[in-house]
Amino acid sequence: MNDGTDSLHWDPLAERLVALSRNAHRGVDRHDEIDYWYRLGQRNAYAHAAGVVIARGVDSGAFSVAERLTGALADGVAELAELRSVVLDFGHRSADVEAGLTWMGPATFHAQFHDAPGIDHDFGMRWGANGDQRLSLRVPVGDDRGTLYAYDPTWDEYAVLCREASTASVEGAFARAVQSDIHMSAASFAALVAQGGPAPAPAIRAAAMQVQL
């Protein structure tokens, strides 16, 4: 059954409604016998309205979004960026945060790395929960180490996975990843790179490259 999650989107109205739900949640006090149910109902009403906007009016999708939002609020999530990730990305960004990854906009990323010399070697464009993240290794000419980073077109954001990754370790991680999970998260891929390992044998690499990435 299609619950509408394929059409989830985020716009200024959705952000405003999520912020209102968050603000209402801050006023929820279980020990306040007078206002508790009113505040809770206000929070849930804003959350459902946000769900309708984010899920484009799909009832089951709106319910799912509202449930995820109120659950995140109850767990103490307060930053809009993280709440957005929860309702749209089904929590995969939360795992990235736990793994120490920091996502940044194009301006910040290019300000830090646009002068870094090298050639980008792409290792697939369908990573992550949505199957649309690109992983690239920027290697200076004549070197065998470079900066491994991920690009998420949904948010138009970048995350640096490793500032000094060897070509061999990335190729090894790539070979293991395509055999286990072709939509592996950027954080999990970074962990494979950190584990290291020899470059894949030619036969294994050839088989891996046949996977559509």
Protein backbone atom coordinates (compact mmCIF):
# COMPACT_ATOMS: atom_id res chain seq x y z
CA MET A 1 0.00 0.00 0.00
CA ASN A 2 1.30 3.42 -0.89
CA ASP A 3 1.28 5.60 2.22
CA GLY A 4 2.29 8.74 0.36
CA THR A 5 5.89 8.82 1.57
CA ASP A 6 7.19 9.01 -1.99
CA SER A 7 5.72 12.52 -2.36
CA LEU A 8 6.88 14.04 0.92
CA HIS A 9 8.23 17.54 0.52
CA TRP A 10 9.29 20.53 2.62
CA ASP A 11 8.40 24.16 2.08
CA PRO A 12 8.17 27.35 4.22
CA LEU A 13 4.63 26.50 5.35
CA ALA A 14 5.70 23.03 6.47
CA GLU A 15 8.63 24.52 8.37
CA ARG A 16 6.34 27.03 10.08
CA LEU A 17 3.86 24.35 11.13
CA VAL A 18 6.63 22.09 12.46
CA ALA A 19 8.03 25.06 14.43
CA LEU A 20 4.58 25.79 15.87
CA SER A 21 4.20 22.15 16.90
CA ARG A 22 7.62 22.25 18.53
CA ASN A 23 6.82 25.48 20.35
CA ALA A 24 3.51 24.08 21.58
CA HIS A 25 5.30 20.96 22.81
CA ARG A 26 7.55 23.12 24.96
CA GLY A 27 4.47 24.20 26.86
CA VAL A 28 3.26 20.64 27.54
CA ASP A 29 3.52 19.97 31.28
CA ARG A 30 2.19 16.66 32.61
CA HIS A 31 1.87 18.19 36.05
CA ASP A 32 -0.35 21.02 34.84
CA GLU A 33 -3.85 19.60 35.27
CA ILE A 34 -5.45 22.64 33.66
CA ASP A 35 -3.43 23.21 30.50
CA TYR A 36 -1.88 19.79 29.84
CA TRP A 37 -4.53 18.45 27.47
CA TYR A 38 -5.00 21.80 25.77
CA ARG A 39 -1.26 22.16 25.06
CA LEU A 40 -1.00 18.54 23.95
CA GLY A 41 -3.95 18.95 21.61
CA GLN A 42 -2.44 22.15 20.21
CA ARG A 43 0.87 20.40 19.54
CA ASN A 44 -0.85 17.47 17.86
CA ALA A 45 -3.07 19.75 15.75
CA TYR A 46 -0.03 21.60 14.40
CA ALA A 47 1.74 18.28 13.83
CA HIS A 48 -1.21 16.92 11.84
CA ALA A 49 -1.43 20.13 9.80
CA ALA A 50 2.29 19.81 9.07
CA GLY A 51 1.67 16.21 8.04
CA VAL A 52 -1.03 17.23 5.58
CA VAL A 53 1.28 19.80 3.97
CA ILE A 54 4.37 17.59 3.94
CA ALA A 55 2.48 14.54 2.63
CA ARG A 56 0.53 16.69 0.13
CA GLY A 57 -2.80 15.84 1.70
CA VAL A 58 -2.42 12.04 1.68
CA ASP A 59 -4.25 10.89 4.81
CA SER A 60 -2.11 7.89 5.77
CA GLY A 61 1.05 9.77 4.86
CA ALA A 62 -0.04 12.78 6.91
CA PHE A 63 -0.72 10.55 9.91
CA SER A 64 2.69 8.91 9.57
CA VAL A 65 4.47 12.27 9.37
CA ALA A 66 2.56 13.64 12.37
CA GLU A 67 3.34 10.53 14.39
CA ARG A 68 7.04 10.76 13.57
CA LEU A 69 7.09 14.45 14.43
CA THR A 70 5.37 14.11 17.81
CA GLY A 71 7.57 11.10 18.61
CA ALA A 72 10.71 13.10 17.87
CA LEU A 73 9.46 15.99 20.00
CA ALA A 74 8.73 13.61 22.87
CA ASP A 75 12.30 12.31 22.53
CA GLY A 76 13.65 15.83 22.98
CA VAL A 77 14.49 16.72 19.38
CA ALA A 78 14.14 20.50 19.04
CA GLU A 79 16.27 21.67 16.09
CA LEU A 80 14.25 22.28 12.93
CA ALA A 81 16.94 20.77 10.71
CA GLU A 82 16.82 17.49 12.62
CA LEU A 83 13.02 17.49 12.78
CA ARG A 84 12.97 17.99 9.01
CA SER A 85 15.26 15.02 8.59
CA VAL A 86 13.08 12.88 10.82
CA VAL A 87 9.83 13.54 8.97
CA LEU A 88 11.31 13.42 5.45
CA ASP A 89 14.24 11.03 5.62
CA PHE A 90 12.95 8.48 8.11
CA GLY A 91 15.79 9.19 10.51
CA HIS A 92 18.82 8.41 8.32
CA ARG A 93 20.28 11.83 9.09
CA SER A 94 19.98 11.10 12.81
CA ALA A 95 22.31 8.14 12.28
CA ASP A 96 24.71 10.46 10.45
CA VAL A 97 24.70 12.87 13.40
CA GLU A 98 25.44 10.02 15.79
CA ALA A 99 28.33 8.97 13.53
CA GLY A 100 29.82 12.47 13.68
CA LEU A 101 28.93 13.57 10.14
CA THR A 102 28.17 17.24 9.59
CA TRP A 103 26.14 18.25 6.55
CA MET A 104 26.76 21.72 5.13
CA GLY A 105 25.41 23.86 2.33
CA PRO A 106 27.25 24.47 -0.97
CA ALA A 107 28.60 27.86 0.10
CA THR A 108 30.22 26.44 3.25
CA PHE A 109 31.55 23.37 1.48
CA HIS A 110 33.06 25.25 -1.45
CA ALA A 111 34.52 27.89 0.85
CA GLN A 112 36.48 25.12 2.57
CA PHE A 113 37.36 22.96 -0.41
CA HIS A 114 37.04 24.88 -3.68
CA ASP A 115 40.79 25.64 -3.65
CA ALA A 116 41.74 22.04 -2.96
CA PRO A 117 43.48 20.73 -6.08
CA GLY A 118 42.61 17.36 -7.47
CA ILE A 119 40.24 15.30 -9.54
CA ASP A 120 36.93 13.96 -8.23
CA HIS A 121 36.51 10.20 -8.59
CA ASP A 122 32.85 9.24 -8.17
CA PHE A 123 31.88 6.03 -6.39
CA GLY A 124 28.19 5.81 -7.20
CA MET A 125 25.25 8.19 -7.10
CA ARG A 126 22.52 6.12 -5.42
CA TRP A 127 23.68 5.81 -1.84
CA GLY A 128 21.64 6.65 1.26
CA ALA A 129 18.07 5.96 2.35
CA ASN A 130 16.65 7.79 -0.66
CA GLY A 131 19.11 6.21 -3.09
CA ASP A 132 20.30 9.55 -4.44
CA GLN A 133 23.49 10.50 -2.60
CA ARG A 134 26.79 10.69 -4.48
CA LEU A 135 30.10 9.64 -2.94
CA SER A 136 33.29 11.15 -4.36
CA LEU A 137 36.99 11.06 -3.60
CA ARG A 138 38.92 14.21 -4.52
CA VAL A 139 42.52 13.15 -5.12
CA PRO A 140 45.37 15.56 -5.95
CA VAL A 141 47.14 14.72 -9.20
CA GLY A 142 49.94 12.25 -8.57
CA ASP A 143 48.73 11.33 -5.08
CA ASP A 144 46.90 8.26 -3.78
CA ARG A 145 45.04 9.96 -0.92
CA GLY A 146 42.32 12.55 -0.93
CA THR A 147 39.11 13.93 0.59
CA LEU A 148 36.11 11.60 0.58
CA TYR A 149 32.77 13.41 0.65
CA ALA A 150 29.07 12.83 0.08
CA TYR A 151 26.60 15.02 -1.78
CA ASP A 152 22.84 14.92 -1.07
CA PRO A 153 20.83 16.49 -3.93
CA THR A 154 17.60 16.46 -1.92
CA TRP A 155 19.00 19.04 0.48
CA ASP A 156 21.82 20.31 -1.78
CA GLU A 157 24.23 19.57 1.06
CA TYR A 158 27.68 18.03 1.46
CA ALA A 159 29.33 15.99 4.21
CA VAL A 160 33.05 15.27 4.49
CA LEU A 161 33.48 11.58 5.33
CA CYS A 162 37.27 11.49 5.54
CA ARG A 163 39.83 14.22 4.89
CA GLU A 164 42.65 11.80 4.07
CA ALA A 165 41.31 8.59 2.58
CA SER A 166 43.50 6.36 0.46
CA THR A 167 42.27 5.32 -2.95
CA ALA A 168 42.76 1.68 -1.99
CA SER A 169 40.64 1.98 1.18
CA VAL A 170 37.79 3.67 -0.70
CA GLU A 171 37.89 1.13 -3.51
CA GLY A 172 37.87 -1.66 -0.94
CA ALA A 173 34.93 -0.11 0.90
CA PHE A 174 33.09 0.33 -2.40
CA ALA A 175 33.55 -3.34 -3.32
CA ARG A 176 32.25 -4.49 0.09
CA ALA A 177 29.37 -2.01 0.08
CA VAL A 178 27.92 -2.96 -3.30
CA GLN A 179 27.90 -6.60 -2.20
CA SER A 180 26.07 -5.89 1.05
CA ASP A 181 23.92 -2.76 0.61
CA ILE A 182 23.91 -0.65 -2.57
CA HIS A 183 21.98 2.07 -0.71
CA MET A 184 24.29 2.13 2.30
CA SER A 185 24.33 5.36 4.31
CA ALA A 186 27.24 7.74 3.99
CA ALA A 187 28.08 7.14 7.65
CA SER A 188 28.25 3.37 7.16
CA PHE A 189 30.39 3.78 4.04
CA ALA A 190 32.76 6.02 6.00
CA ALA A 191 33.01 3.31 8.65
CA LEU A 192 34.01 0.76 5.98
CA VAL A 193 36.71 3.13 4.74
CA ALA A 194 37.99 3.58 8.29
CA GLN A 195 38.20 -0.20 8.70
CA GLY A 196 40.54 -0.29 5.71
CA GLY A 197 41.33 -3.42 3.79
CA PRO A 198 43.08 -4.37 0.57
CA ALA A 199 41.93 -3.17 -2.82
CA PRO A 200 39.40 -5.57 -4.37
CA ALA A 201 40.59 -8.26 -6.73
CA PRO A 202 39.95 -7.45 -10.42
CA ALA A 203 37.22 -10.09 -10.72
CA ILE A 204 35.38 -8.75 -7.68
CA ARG A 205 35.75 -5.15 -8.79
CA ALA A 206 34.43 -5.98 -12.27
CA ALA A 207 31.37 -7.65 -10.77
CA ALA A 208 30.81 -4.74 -8.41
CA MET A 209 30.94 -2.20 -11.23
CA GLN A 210 28.08 -3.99 -12.96
CA VAL A 211 25.75 -2.89 -10.17
CA GLN A 212 23.78 0.14 -11.30
CA LEU A 213 24.94 3.08 -9.19
